Amino acid sequence: MAYQAAAVVLVALVFLSQGLAAAIAALLGGAGVVLGSALAAHVALGGGVVAARPALIRLVLAAGLKWLVVITIFALALGVGRLPPLPLLAGLAVALVAYPLVLNFSVRVERER
């Protein structure tokens, strides 16, 4: 999650050239994914070792909660905050893409050792 947050901060710095509202929107877009991922990890992995059915239920619940957090932050940012949508989506996209890219790179490094 640290890599996701760092990537989102970089995108927010890029959008700072368009104004503070755009930078905040980018931060919120990425923060929704980062916070949602943290909540999902806690729900999915926080209960210890269990049988297959409860584990699957936890995973599905975790994914649903993650997207609920993302959608709620988006709705509040667009509706209440009236923030620009493009930076909001850019923050979301960068946060979603950063994790698999970092994971892929770290797996390659481990395989080469």
PDB file of N, CA and C in Angstrom:
ATOM      1  N   MET A   1       0.818  -1.198   0.000  1.00  0.00           N
ATOM      2  CA  MET A   1       0.000   0.000   0.000  1.00  0.00           C
ATOM      3  C   MET A   1       0.859   1.259   0.000  1.00  0.00           C
ATOM      4  N   ALA A   2       2.078   1.144   0.492  1.00  0.00           N
ATOM      5  CA  ALA A   2       2.947   2.310   0.506  1.00  0.00           C
ATOM      6  C   ALA A   2       3.291   2.740  -0.913  1.00  0.00           C
ATOM      7  N   TYR A   3       3.490   1.765  -1.804  1.00  0.00           N
ATOM      8  CA  TYR A   3       3.781   2.109  -3.190  1.00  0.00           C
ATOM      9  C   TYR A   3       2.575   2.755  -3.861  1.00  0.00           C
ATOM     10  N   GLN A   4       1.390   2.266  -3.540  1.00  0.00           N
ATOM     11  CA  GLN A   4       0.182   2.886  -4.078  1.00  0.00           C
ATOM     12  C   GLN A   4       0.079   4.334  -3.612  1.00  0.00           C
ATOM     13  N   ALA A   5       0.292   4.551  -2.338  1.00  0.00           N
ATOM     14  CA  ALA A   5       0.199   5.910  -1.793  1.00  0.00           C
ATOM     15  C   ALA A   5       1.250   6.830  -2.406  1.00  0.00           C
ATOM     16  N   ALA A   6       2.455   6.323  -2.598  1.00  0.00           N
ATOM     17  CA  ALA A   6       3.505   7.138  -3.207  1.00  0.00           C
ATOM     18  C   ALA A   6       3.152   7.504  -4.644  1.00  0.00           C
ATOM     19  N   ALA A   7       2.603   6.558  -5.388  1.00  0.00           N
ATOM     20  CA  ALA A   7       2.202   6.836  -6.768  1.00  0.00           C
ATOM     21  C   ALA A   7       1.080   7.867  -6.816  1.00  0.00           C
ATOM     22  N   VAL A   8       0.152   7.782  -5.877  1.00  0.00           N
ATOM     23  CA  VAL A   8      -0.956   8.744  -5.831  1.00  0.00           C
ATOM     24  C   VAL A   8      -0.441  10.136  -5.499  1.00  0.00           C
ATOM     25  N   VAL A   9       0.500  10.229  -4.588  1.00  0.00           N
ATOM     26  CA  VAL A   9       1.075  11.539  -4.247  1.00  0.00           C
ATOM     27  C   VAL A   9       1.766  12.151  -5.458  1.00  0.00           C
ATOM     28  N   LEU A  10       2.467  11.332  -6.239  1.00  0.00           N
ATOM     29  CA  LEU A  10       3.101  11.845  -7.452  1.00  0.00           C
ATOM     30  C   LEU A  10       2.069  12.379  -8.443  1.00  0.00           C
ATOM     31  N   VAL A  11       0.963  11.660  -8.607  1.00  0.00           N
ATOM     32  CA  VAL A  11      -0.090  12.128  -9.508  1.00  0.00           C
ATOM     33  C   VAL A  11      -0.700  13.420  -8.973  1.00  0.00           C
ATOM     34  N   ALA A  12      -0.885  13.503  -7.681  1.00  0.00           N
ATOM     35  CA  ALA A  12      -1.432  14.728  -7.092  1.00  0.00           C
ATOM     36  C   ALA A  12      -0.493  15.909  -7.320  1.00  0.00           C
ATOM     37  N   LEU A  13       0.807  15.672  -7.238  1.00  0.00           N
ATOM     38  CA  LEU A  13       1.766  16.740  -7.513  1.00  0.00           C
ATOM     39  C   LEU A  13       1.689  17.198  -8.965  1.00  0.00           C
ATOM     40  N   VAL A  14       1.447  16.264  -9.872  1.00  0.00           N
ATOM     41  CA  VAL A  14       1.279  16.635 -11.281  1.00  0.00           C
ATOM     42  C   VAL A  14       0.027  17.489 -11.458  1.00  0.00           C
ATOM     43  N   PHE A  15      -1.057  17.102 -10.802  1.00  0.00           N
ATOM     44  CA  PHE A  15      -2.310  17.844 -10.928  1.00  0.00           C
ATOM     45  C   PHE A  15      -2.299  19.153 -10.142  1.00  0.00           C
ATOM     46  N   LEU A  16      -1.305  19.344  -9.306  1.00  0.00           N
ATOM     47  CA  LEU A  16      -1.200  20.603  -8.574  1.00  0.00           C
ATOM     48  C   LEU A  16      -1.022  21.786  -9.524  1.00  0.00           C
ATOM     49  N   SER A  17      -0.488  21.513 -10.699  1.00  0.00           N
ATOM     50  CA  SER A  17      -0.337  22.584 -11.689  1.00  0.00           C
ATOM     51  C   SER A  17      -1.691  23.100 -12.181  1.00  0.00           C
ATOM     52  N   GLN A  18      -2.740  22.294 -12.033  1.00  0.00           N
ATOM     53  CA  GLN A  18      -4.086  22.709 -12.430  1.00  0.00           C
ATOM     54  C   GLN A  18      -4.865  23.333 -11.281  1.00  0.00           C
ATOM     55  N   GLY A  19      -4.280  23.346 -10.117  1.00  0.00           N
ATOM     56  CA  GLY A  19      -4.928  23.952  -8.967  1.00  0.00           C
ATOM     57  C   GLY A  19      -5.013  23.008  -7.789  1.00  0.00           C
ATOM     58  N   LEU A  20      -5.300  23.581  -6.645  1.00  0.00           N
ATOM     59  CA  LEU A  20      -5.372  22.798  -5.413  1.00  0.00           C
ATOM     60  C   LEU A  20      -6.531  21.807  -5.432  1.00  0.00           C
ATOM     61  N   ALA A  21      -7.647  22.190  -6.021  1.00  0.00           N
ATOM     62  CA  ALA A  21      -8.803  21.291  -6.077  1.00  0.00           C
ATOM     63  C   ALA A  21      -8.483  20.038  -6.882  1.00  0.00           C
ATOM     64  N   ALA A  22      -7.748  20.191  -7.971  1.00  0.00           N
ATOM     65  CA  ALA A  22      -7.372  19.037  -8.790  1.00  0.00           C
ATOM     66  C   ALA A  22      -6.424  18.118  -8.025  1.00  0.00           C
ATOM     67  N   ALA A  23      -5.483  18.699  -7.289  1.00  0.00           N
ATOM     68  CA  ALA A  23      -4.548  17.886  -6.506  1.00  0.00           C
ATOM     69  C   ALA A  23      -5.277  17.135  -5.396  1.00  0.00           C
ATOM     70  N   ILE A  24      -6.199  17.793  -4.735  1.00  0.00           N
ATOM     71  CA  ILE A  24      -6.975  17.134  -3.677  1.00  0.00           C
ATOM     72  C   ILE A  24      -7.833  16.024  -4.265  1.00  0.00           C
ATOM     73  N   ALA A  25      -8.409  16.281  -5.447  1.00  0.00           N
ATOM     74  CA  ALA A  25      -9.222  15.254  -6.095  1.00  0.00           C
ATOM     75  C   ALA A  25      -8.384  14.022  -6.412  1.00  0.00           C
ATOM     76  N   ALA A  26      -7.175  14.215  -6.923  1.00  0.00           N
ATOM     77  CA  ALA A  26      -6.300  13.078  -7.227  1.00  0.00           C
ATOM     78  C   ALA A  26      -5.944  12.314  -5.954  1.00  0.00           C
ATOM     79  N   LEU A  27      -5.669  13.056  -4.891  1.00  0.00           N
ATOM     80  CA  LEU A  27      -5.369  12.401  -3.612  1.00  0.00           C
ATOM     81  C   LEU A  27      -6.555  11.590  -3.110  1.00  0.00           C
ATOM     82  N   LEU A  28      -7.747  12.155  -3.201  1.00  0.00           N
ATOM     83  CA  LEU A  28      -8.929  11.441  -2.727  1.00  0.00           C
ATOM     84  C   LEU A  28      -9.233  10.215  -3.581  1.00  0.00           C
ATOM     85  N   GLY A  29      -9.039  10.329  -4.885  1.00  0.00           N
ATOM     86  CA  GLY A  29      -9.265   9.178  -5.756  1.00  0.00           C
ATOM     87  C   GLY A  29      -8.367   8.010  -5.402  1.00  0.00           C
ATOM     88  N   GLY A  30      -7.108   8.312  -5.175  1.00  0.00           N
ATOM     89  CA  GLY A  30      -6.182   7.253  -4.786  1.00  0.00           C
ATOM     90  C   GLY A  30      -6.371   6.798  -3.357  1.00  0.00           C
ATOM     91  N   ALA A  31      -6.719   7.737  -2.476  1.00  0.00           N
ATOM     92  CA  ALA A  31      -6.927   7.379  -1.066  1.00  0.00           C
ATOM     93  C   ALA A  31      -8.096   6.416  -0.913  1.00  0.00           C
ATOM     94  N   GLY A  32      -9.101   6.548  -1.759  1.00  0.00           N
ATOM     95  CA  GLY A  32     -10.223   5.613  -1.708  1.00  0.00           C
ATOM     96  C   GLY A  32      -9.771   4.182  -1.951  1.00  0.00           C
ATOM     97  N   VAL A  33      -8.889   4.003  -2.922  1.00  0.00           N
ATOM     98  CA  VAL A  33      -8.381   2.664  -3.224  1.00  0.00           C
ATOM     99  C   VAL A  33      -7.470   2.172  -2.115  1.00  0.00           C
ATOM    100  N   VAL A  34      -6.590   3.031  -1.631  1.00  0.00           N
ATOM    101  CA  VAL A  34      -5.648   2.621  -0.582  1.00  0.00           C
ATOM    102  C   VAL A  34      -6.395   2.263   0.704  1.00  0.00           C
ATOM    103  N   LEU A  35      -7.326   3.106   1.112  1.00  0.00           N
ATOM    104  CA  LEU A  35      -8.102   2.808   2.324  1.00  0.00           C
ATOM    105  C   LEU A  35      -8.983   1.581   2.138  1.00  0.00           C
ATOM    106  N   GLY A  36      -9.584   1.467   0.961  1.00  0.00           N
ATOM    107  CA  GLY A  36     -10.404   0.292   0.675  1.00  0.00           C
ATOM    108  C   GLY A  36      -9.587  -0.980   0.690  1.00  0.00           C
ATOM    109  N   SER A  37      -8.379  -0.927   0.160  1.00  0.00           N
ATOM    110  CA  SER A  37      -7.503  -2.103   0.170  1.00  0.00           C
ATOM    111  C   SER A  37      -7.090  -2.474   1.585  1.00  0.00           C
ATOM    112  N   ALA A  38      -6.806  -1.476   2.399  1.00  0.00           N
ATOM    113  CA  ALA A  38      -6.436  -1.753   3.794  1.00  0.00           C
ATOM    114  C   ALA A  38      -7.595  -2.404   4.545  1.00  0.00           C
ATOM    115  N   LEU A  39      -8.794  -1.885   4.338  1.00  0.00           N
ATOM    116  CA  LEU A  39      -9.968  -2.470   4.981  1.00  0.00           C
ATOM    117  C   LEU A  39     -10.209  -3.885   4.477  1.00  0.00           C
ATOM    118  N   ALA A  40     -10.069  -4.084   3.173  1.00  0.00           N
ATOM    119  CA  ALA A  40     -10.270  -5.416   2.598  1.00  0.00           C
ATOM    120  C   ALA A  40      -9.261  -6.420   3.145  1.00  0.00           C
ATOM    121  N   ALA A  41      -8.014  -6.009   3.264  1.00  0.00           N
ATOM    122  CA  ALA A  41      -7.000  -6.911   3.807  1.00  0.00           C
ATOM    123  C   ALA A  41      -7.309  -7.265   5.256  1.00  0.00           C
ATOM    124  N   HIS A  42      -7.769  -6.286   6.023  1.00  0.00           N
ATOM    125  CA  HIS A  42      -8.098  -6.546   7.427  1.00  0.00           C
ATOM    126  C   HIS A  42      -9.275  -7.510   7.547  1.00  0.00           C
ATOM    127  N   VAL A  43     -10.288  -7.316   6.735  1.00  0.00           N
ATOM    128  CA  VAL A  43     -11.466  -8.180   6.803  1.00  0.00           C
ATOM    129  C   VAL A  43     -11.145  -9.581   6.278  1.00  0.00           C
ATOM    130  N   ALA A  44     -10.438  -9.658   5.167  1.00  0.00           N
ATOM    131  CA  ALA A  44     -10.171 -10.955   4.551  1.00  0.00           C
ATOM    132  C   ALA A  44      -9.167 -11.790   5.338  1.00  0.00           C
ATOM    133  N   LEU A  45      -8.181 -11.149   5.924  1.00  0.00           N
ATOM    134  CA  LEU A  45      -7.097 -11.901   6.554  1.00  0.00           C
ATOM    135  C   LEU A  45      -7.045 -11.754   8.065  1.00  0.00           C
ATOM    136  N   GLY A  46      -7.955 -11.002   8.652  1.00  0.00           N
ATOM    137  CA  GLY A  46      -7.865 -10.688  10.067  1.00  0.00           C
ATOM    138  C   GLY A  46      -8.378 -11.747  11.015  1.00  0.00           C
ATOM    139  N   GLY A  47      -9.057 -12.752  10.556  1.00  0.00           N
ATOM    140  CA  GLY A  47      -9.667 -13.702  11.472  1.00  0.00           C
ATOM    141  C   GLY A  47      -8.901 -14.976  11.699  1.00  0.00           C
ATOM    142  N   GLY A  48      -7.729 -15.092  11.150  1.00  0.00           N
ATOM    143  CA  GLY A  48      -6.953 -16.311  11.331  1.00  0.00           C
ATOM    144  C   GLY A  48      -7.353 -17.383  10.331  1.00  0.00           C
ATOM    145  N   VAL A  49      -6.914 -18.599  10.602  1.00  0.00           N
ATOM    146  CA  VAL A  49      -7.150 -19.714   9.702  1.00  0.00           C
ATOM    147  C   VAL A  49      -8.559 -20.259   9.938  1.00  0.00           C
ATOM    148  N   VAL A  50      -9.322 -20.368   8.843  1.00  0.00           N
ATOM    149  CA  VAL A  50     -10.683 -20.895   8.915  1.00  0.00           C
ATOM    150  C   VAL A  50     -10.908 -21.852   7.750  1.00  0.00           C
ATOM    151  N   ALA A  51     -12.055 -22.486   7.741  1.00  0.00           N
ATOM    152  CA  ALA A  51     -12.416 -23.401   6.661  1.00  0.00           C
ATOM    153  C   ALA A  51     -12.645 -22.620   5.363  1.00  0.00           C
ATOM    154  N   ALA A  52     -12.856 -23.352   4.286  1.00  0.00           N
ATOM    155  CA  ALA A  52     -12.960 -22.739   2.961  1.00  0.00           C
ATOM    156  C   ALA A  52     -14.167 -21.810   2.827  1.00  0.00           C
ATOM    157  N   ARG A  53     -15.325 -22.238   3.286  1.00  0.00           N
ATOM    158  CA  ARG A  53     -16.535 -21.420   3.116  1.00  0.00           C
ATOM    159  C   ARG A  53     -16.428 -20.071   3.840  1.00  0.00           C
ATOM    160  N   PRO A  54     -16.067 -20.044   5.126  1.00  0.00           N
ATOM    161  CA  PRO A  54     -15.904 -18.730   5.772  1.00  0.00           C
ATOM    162  C   PRO A  54     -14.804 -17.883   5.139  1.00  0.00           C
ATOM    163  N   ALA A  55     -13.750 -18.515   4.649  1.00  0.00           N
ATOM    164  CA  ALA A  55     -12.680 -17.763   3.996  1.00  0.00           C
ATOM    165  C   ALA A  55     -13.193 -17.116   2.711  1.00  0.00           C
ATOM    166  N   LEU A  56     -13.986 -17.854   1.940  1.00  0.00           N
ATOM    167  CA  LEU A  56     -14.557 -17.298   0.720  1.00  0.00           C
ATOM    168  C   LEU A  56     -15.531 -16.168   1.039  1.00  0.00           C
ATOM    169  N   ILE A  57     -16.321 -16.352   2.068  1.00  0.00           N
ATOM    170  CA  ILE A  57     -17.267 -15.301   2.467  1.00  0.00           C
ATOM    171  C   ILE A  57     -16.499 -14.043   2.876  1.00  0.00           C
ATOM    172  N   ARG A  58     -15.417 -14.215   3.610  1.00  0.00           N
ATOM    173  CA  ARG A  58     -14.603 -13.056   4.005  1.00  0.00           C
ATOM    174  C   ARG A  58     -14.004 -12.347   2.798  1.00  0.00           C
ATOM    175  N   LEU A  59     -13.529 -13.127   1.819  1.00  0.00           N
ATOM    176  CA  LEU A  59     -12.949 -12.511   0.625  1.00  0.00           C
ATOM    177  C   LEU A  59     -13.984 -11.720  -0.164  1.00  0.00           C
ATOM    178  N   VAL A  60     -15.166 -12.282  -0.324  1.00  0.00           N
ATOM    179  CA  VAL A  60     -16.230 -11.587  -1.057  1.00  0.00           C
ATOM    180  C   VAL A  60     -16.667 -10.339  -0.292  1.00  0.00           C
ATOM    181  N   LEU A  61     -16.828 -10.461   1.009  1.00  0.00           N
ATOM    182  CA  LEU A  61     -17.186  -9.309   1.835  1.00  0.00           C
ATOM    183  C   LEU A  61     -16.111  -8.227   1.767  1.00  0.00           C
ATOM    184  N   ALA A  62     -14.854  -8.643   1.793  1.00  0.00           N
ATOM    185  CA  ALA A  62     -13.748  -7.687   1.729  1.00  0.00           C
ATOM    186  C   ALA A  62     -13.755  -6.930   0.404  1.00  0.00           C
ATOM    187  N   ALA A  63     -13.973  -7.636  -0.695  1.00  0.00           N
ATOM    188  CA  ALA A  63     -14.017  -6.966  -1.999  1.00  0.00           C
ATOM    189  C   ALA A  63     -15.185  -5.989  -2.077  1.00  0.00           C
ATOM    190  N   GLY A  64     -16.323  -6.399  -1.553  1.00  0.00           N
ATOM    191  CA  GLY A  64     -17.488  -5.507  -1.543  1.00  0.00           C
ATOM    192  C   GLY A  64     -17.253  -4.263  -0.698  1.00  0.00           C
ATOM    193  N   LEU A  65     -16.640  -4.436   0.471  1.00  0.00           N
ATOM    194  CA  LEU A  65     -16.345  -3.284   1.326  1.00  0.00           C
ATOM    195  C   LEU A  65     -15.332  -2.348   0.676  1.00  0.00           C
ATOM    196  N   LYS A  66     -14.353  -2.913  -0.008  1.00  0.00           N
ATOM    197  CA  LYS A  66     -13.353  -2.077  -0.683  1.00  0.00           C
ATOM    198  C   LYS A  66     -14.042  -1.165  -1.694  1.00  0.00           C
ATOM    199  N   TRP A  67     -14.890  -1.726  -2.523  1.00  0.00           N
ATOM    200  CA  TRP A  67     -15.536  -0.915  -3.551  1.00  0.00           C
ATOM    201  C   TRP A  67     -16.588   0.010  -2.966  1.00  0.00           C
ATOM    202  N   LEU A  68     -17.172  -0.366  -1.843  1.00  0.00           N
ATOM    203  CA  LEU A  68     -18.090   0.541  -1.158  1.00  0.00           C
ATOM    204  C   LEU A  68     -17.351   1.780  -0.666  1.00  0.00           C
ATOM    205  N   VAL A  69     -16.146   1.590  -0.128  1.00  0.00           N
ATOM    206  CA  VAL A  69     -15.326   2.726   0.317  1.00  0.00           C
ATOM    207  C   VAL A  69     -14.966   3.610  -0.874  1.00  0.00           C
ATOM    208  N   VAL A  70     -14.543   2.996  -1.978  1.00  0.00           N
ATOM    209  CA  VAL A  70     -14.159   3.764  -3.164  1.00  0.00           C
ATOM    210  C   VAL A  70     -15.344   4.567  -3.697  1.00  0.00           C
ATOM    211  N   ILE A  71     -16.490   3.935  -3.827  1.00  0.00           N
ATOM    212  CA  ILE A  71     -17.679   4.612  -4.366  1.00  0.00           C
ATOM    213  C   ILE A  71     -18.154   5.714  -3.430  1.00  0.00           C
ATOM    214  N   THR A  72     -18.089   5.471  -2.129  1.00  0.00           N
ATOM    215  CA  THR A  72     -18.506   6.489  -1.165  1.00  0.00           C
ATOM    216  C   THR A  72     -17.604   7.716  -1.239  1.00  0.00           C
ATOM    217  N   ILE A  73     -16.302   7.503  -1.304  1.00  0.00           N
ATOM    218  CA  ILE A  73     -15.380   8.635  -1.401  1.00  0.00           C
ATOM    219  C   ILE A  73     -15.596   9.381  -2.712  1.00  0.00           C
ATOM    220  N   PHE A  74     -15.815   8.656  -3.793  1.00  0.00           N
ATOM    221  CA  PHE A  74     -16.093   9.313  -5.074  1.00  0.00           C
ATOM    222  C   PHE A  74     -17.363  10.138  -4.999  1.00  0.00           C
ATOM    223  N   ALA A  75     -18.420   9.561  -4.442  1.00  0.00           N
ATOM    224  CA  ALA A  75     -19.699  10.275  -4.364  1.00  0.00           C
ATOM    225  C   ALA A  75     -19.560  11.542  -3.519  1.00  0.00           C
ATOM    226  N   LEU A  76     -18.865  11.431  -2.402  1.00  0.00           N
ATOM    227  CA  LEU A  76     -18.677  12.615  -1.557  1.00  0.00           C
ATOM    228  C   LEU A  76     -17.799  13.661  -2.234  1.00  0.00           C
ATOM    229  N   ALA A  77     -16.754  13.220  -2.912  1.00  0.00           N
ATOM    230  CA  ALA A  77     -15.850  14.164  -3.579  1.00  0.00           C
ATOM    231  C   ALA A  77     -16.551  14.882  -4.731  1.00  0.00           C
ATOM    232  N   LEU A  78     -17.359  14.151  -5.491  1.00  0.00           N
ATOM    233  CA  LEU A  78     -18.047  14.769  -6.623  1.00  0.00           C
ATOM    234  C   LEU A  78     -19.272  15.552  -6.186  1.00  0.00           C
ATOM    235  N   GLY A  79     -20.048  14.980  -5.261  1.00  0.00           N
ATOM    236  CA  GLY A  79     -21.299  15.617  -4.858  1.00  0.00           C
ATOM    237  C   GLY A  79     -21.122  16.736  -3.860  1.00  0.00           C
ATOM    238  N   VAL A  80     -20.502  16.446  -2.752  1.00  0.00           N
ATOM    239  CA  VAL A  80     -20.352  17.428  -1.680  1.00  0.00           C
ATOM    240  C   VAL A  80     -19.176  18.367  -1.958  1.00  0.00           C
ATOM    241  N   GLY A  81     -18.037  17.784  -2.336  1.00  0.00           N
ATOM    242  CA  GLY A  81     -16.845  18.595  -2.542  1.00  0.00           C
ATOM    243  C   GLY A  81     -16.787  19.296  -3.881  1.00  0.00           C
ATOM    244  N   ARG A  82     -17.591  18.822  -4.834  1.00  0.00           N
ATOM    245  CA  ARG A  82     -17.595  19.396  -6.190  1.00  0.00           C
ATOM    246  C   ARG A  82     -16.184  19.473  -6.773  1.00  0.00           C
ATOM    247  N   LEU A  83     -15.434  18.388  -6.584  1.00  0.00           N
ATOM    248  CA  LEU A  83     -14.072  18.320  -7.101  1.00  0.00           C
ATOM    249  C   LEU A  83     -14.092  17.868  -8.563  1.00  0.00           C
ATOM    250  N   PRO A  84     -13.064  18.212  -9.326  1.00  0.00           N
ATOM    251  CA  PRO A  84     -13.027  17.831 -10.735  1.00  0.00           C
ATOM    252  C   PRO A  84     -12.903  16.307 -10.905  1.00  0.00           C
ATOM    253  N   PRO A  85     -13.655  15.727 -11.838  1.00  0.00           N
ATOM    254  CA  PRO A  85     -13.681  14.270 -11.961  1.00  0.00           C
ATOM    255  C   PRO A  85     -12.424  13.652 -12.583  1.00  0.00           C
ATOM    256  N   LEU A  86     -11.761  14.340 -13.514  1.00  0.00           N
ATOM    257  CA  LEU A  86     -10.596  13.739 -14.166  1.00  0.00           C
ATOM    258  C   LEU A  86      -9.455  13.436 -13.188  1.00  0.00           C
ATOM    259  N   PRO A  87      -9.058  14.360 -12.327  1.00  0.00           N
ATOM    260  CA  PRO A  87      -8.017  14.005 -11.351  1.00  0.00           C
ATOM    261  C   PRO A  87      -8.463  12.912 -10.381  1.00  0.00           C
ATOM    262  N   LEU A  88      -9.730  12.904 -10.062  1.00  0.00           N
ATOM    263  CA  LEU A  88     -10.266  11.865  -9.184  1.00  0.00           C
ATOM    264  C   LEU A  88     -10.093  10.488  -9.824  1.00  0.00           C
ATOM    265  N   LEU A  89     -10.446  10.394 -11.093  1.00  0.00           N
ATOM    266  CA  LEU A  89     -10.277   9.133 -11.822  1.00  0.00           C
ATOM    267  C   LEU A  89      -8.804   8.789 -12.030  1.00  0.00           C
ATOM    268  N   ALA A  90      -7.977   9.800 -12.247  1.00  0.00           N
ATOM    269  CA  ALA A  90      -6.543   9.545 -12.425  1.00  0.00           C
ATOM    270  C   ALA A  90      -5.935   8.973 -11.141  1.00  0.00           C
ATOM    271  N   GLY A  91      -6.313   9.515 -10.009  1.00  0.00           N
ATOM    272  CA  GLY A  91      -5.826   8.978  -8.738  1.00  0.00           C
ATOM    273  C   GLY A  91      -6.269   7.541  -8.537  1.00  0.00           C
ATOM    274  N   LEU A  92      -7.515   7.258  -8.874  1.00  0.00           N
ATOM    275  CA  LEU A  92      -8.035   5.891  -8.782  1.00  0.00           C
ATOM    276  C   LEU A  92      -7.250   4.962  -9.693  1.00  0.00           C
ATOM    277  N   ALA A  93      -7.067   5.359 -10.938  1.00  0.00           N
ATOM    278  CA  ALA A  93      -6.389   4.504 -11.911  1.00  0.00           C
ATOM    279  C   ALA A  93      -4.942   4.226 -11.508  1.00  0.00           C
ATOM    280  N   VAL A  94      -4.244   5.249 -11.057  1.00  0.00           N
ATOM    281  CA  VAL A  94      -2.843   5.063 -10.667  1.00  0.00           C
ATOM    282  C   VAL A  94      -2.751   4.136  -9.457  1.00  0.00           C
ATOM    283  N   ALA A  95      -3.645   4.300  -8.506  1.00  0.00           N
ATOM    284  CA  ALA A  95      -3.610   3.427  -7.326  1.00  0.00           C
ATOM    285  C   ALA A  95      -3.926   1.980  -7.700  1.00  0.00           C
ATOM    286  N   LEU A  96      -4.846   1.787  -8.637  1.00  0.00           N
ATOM    287  CA  LEU A  96      -5.182   0.425  -9.049  1.00  0.00           C
ATOM    288  C   LEU A  96      -4.054  -0.231  -9.845  1.00  0.00           C
ATOM    289  N   VAL A  97      -3.357   0.540 -10.654  1.00  0.00           N
ATOM    290  CA  VAL A  97      -2.309  -0.011 -11.503  1.00  0.00           C
ATOM    291  C   VAL A  97      -0.993  -0.161 -10.751  1.00  0.00           C
ATOM    292  N   ALA A  98      -0.754   0.658  -9.764  1.00  0.00           N
ATOM    293  CA  ALA A  98       0.534   0.634  -9.047  1.00  0.00           C
ATOM    294  C   ALA A  98       0.774  -0.700  -8.350  1.00  0.00           C
ATOM    295  N   TYR A  99      -0.241  -1.255  -7.723  1.00  0.00           N
ATOM    296  CA  TYR A  99      -0.036  -2.487  -6.953  1.00  0.00           C
ATOM    297  C   TYR A  99       0.390  -3.661  -7.830  1.00  0.00           C
ATOM    298  N   PRO A 100      -0.319  -3.981  -8.926  1.00  0.00           N
ATOM    299  CA  PRO A 100       0.142  -5.110  -9.734  1.00  0.00           C
ATOM    300  C   PRO A 100       1.509  -4.875 -10.383  1.00  0.00           C
ATOM    301  N   LEU A 101       1.802  -3.619 -10.735  1.00  0.00           N
ATOM    302  CA  LEU A 101       3.117  -3.346 -11.303  1.00  0.00           C
ATOM    303  C   LEU A 101       4.225  -3.605 -10.297  1.00  0.00           C
ATOM    304  N   VAL A 102       4.044  -3.133  -9.084  1.00  0.00           N
ATOM    305  CA  VAL A 102       5.053  -3.351  -8.041  1.00  0.00           C
ATOM    306  C   VAL A 102       5.146  -4.835  -7.701  1.00  0.00           C
ATOM    307  N   LEU A 103       4.012  -5.499  -7.624  1.00  0.00           N
ATOM    308  CA  LEU A 103       4.007  -6.925  -7.326  1.00  0.00           C
ATOM    309  C   LEU A 103       4.734  -7.703  -8.418  1.00  0.00           C
ATOM    310  N   ASN A 104       4.489  -7.369  -9.671  1.00  0.00           N
ATOM    311  CA  ASN A 104       5.152  -8.041 -10.779  1.00  0.00           C
ATOM    312  C   ASN A 104       6.650  -7.805 -10.739  1.00  0.00           C
ATOM    313  N   PHE A 105       7.062  -6.583 -10.456  1.00  0.00           N
ATOM    314  CA  PHE A 105       8.489  -6.283 -10.391  1.00  0.00           C
ATOM    315  C   PHE A 105       9.156  -7.015  -9.232  1.00  0.00           C
ATOM    316  N   SER A 106       8.504  -7.046  -8.074  1.00  0.00           N
ATOM    317  CA  SER A 106       9.112  -7.702  -6.911  1.00  0.00           C
ATOM    318  C   SER A 106       9.194  -9.206  -7.106  1.00  0.00           C
ATOM    319  N   VAL A 107       8.241  -9.803  -7.804  1.00  0.00           N
ATOM    320  CA  VAL A 107       8.299 -11.241  -8.069  1.00  0.00           C
ATOM    321  C   VAL A 107       9.433 -11.540  -9.032  1.00  0.00           C
ATOM    322  N   ARG A 108       9.634 -10.698 -10.029  1.00  0.00           N
ATOM    323  CA  ARG A 108      10.749 -10.900 -10.958  1.00  0.00           C
ATOM    324  C   ARG A 108      12.086 -10.814 -10.246  1.00  0.00           C
ATOM    325  N   VAL A 109      12.220  -9.879  -9.353  1.00  0.00           N
ATOM    326  CA  VAL A 109      13.466  -9.725  -8.610  1.00  0.00           C
ATOM    327  C   VAL A 109      13.722 -10.962  -7.767  1.00  0.00           C
ATOM    328  N   GLU A 110      12.691 -11.495  -7.126  1.00  0.00           N
ATOM    329  CA  GLU A 110      12.849 -12.681  -6.297  1.00  0.00           C
ATOM    330  C   GLU A 110      13.226 -13.889  -7.151  1.00  0.00           C
ATOM    331  N   ARG A 111      12.653 -14.008  -8.350  1.00  0.00           N
ATOM    332  CA  ARG A 111      12.965 -15.151  -9.205  1.00  0.00           C
ATOM    333  C   ARG A 111      14.403 -15.105  -9.717  1.00  0.00           C
ATOM    334  N   GLU A 112      14.916 -13.902  -9.923  1.00  0.00           N
ATOM    335  CA  GLU A 112      16.265 -13.775 -10.462  1.00  0.00           C
ATOM    336  C   GLU A 112      17.329 -14.055  -9.416  1.00  0.00           C
ATOM    337  N   ARG A 113      16.987 -14.043  -8.177  1.00  0.00           N
ATOM    338  CA  ARG A 113      17.987 -14.281  -7.111  1.00  0.00           C
ATOM    339  C   ARG A 113      18.343 -15.716  -6.992  1.00  0.00           C
TER     340      ARG A 113
END
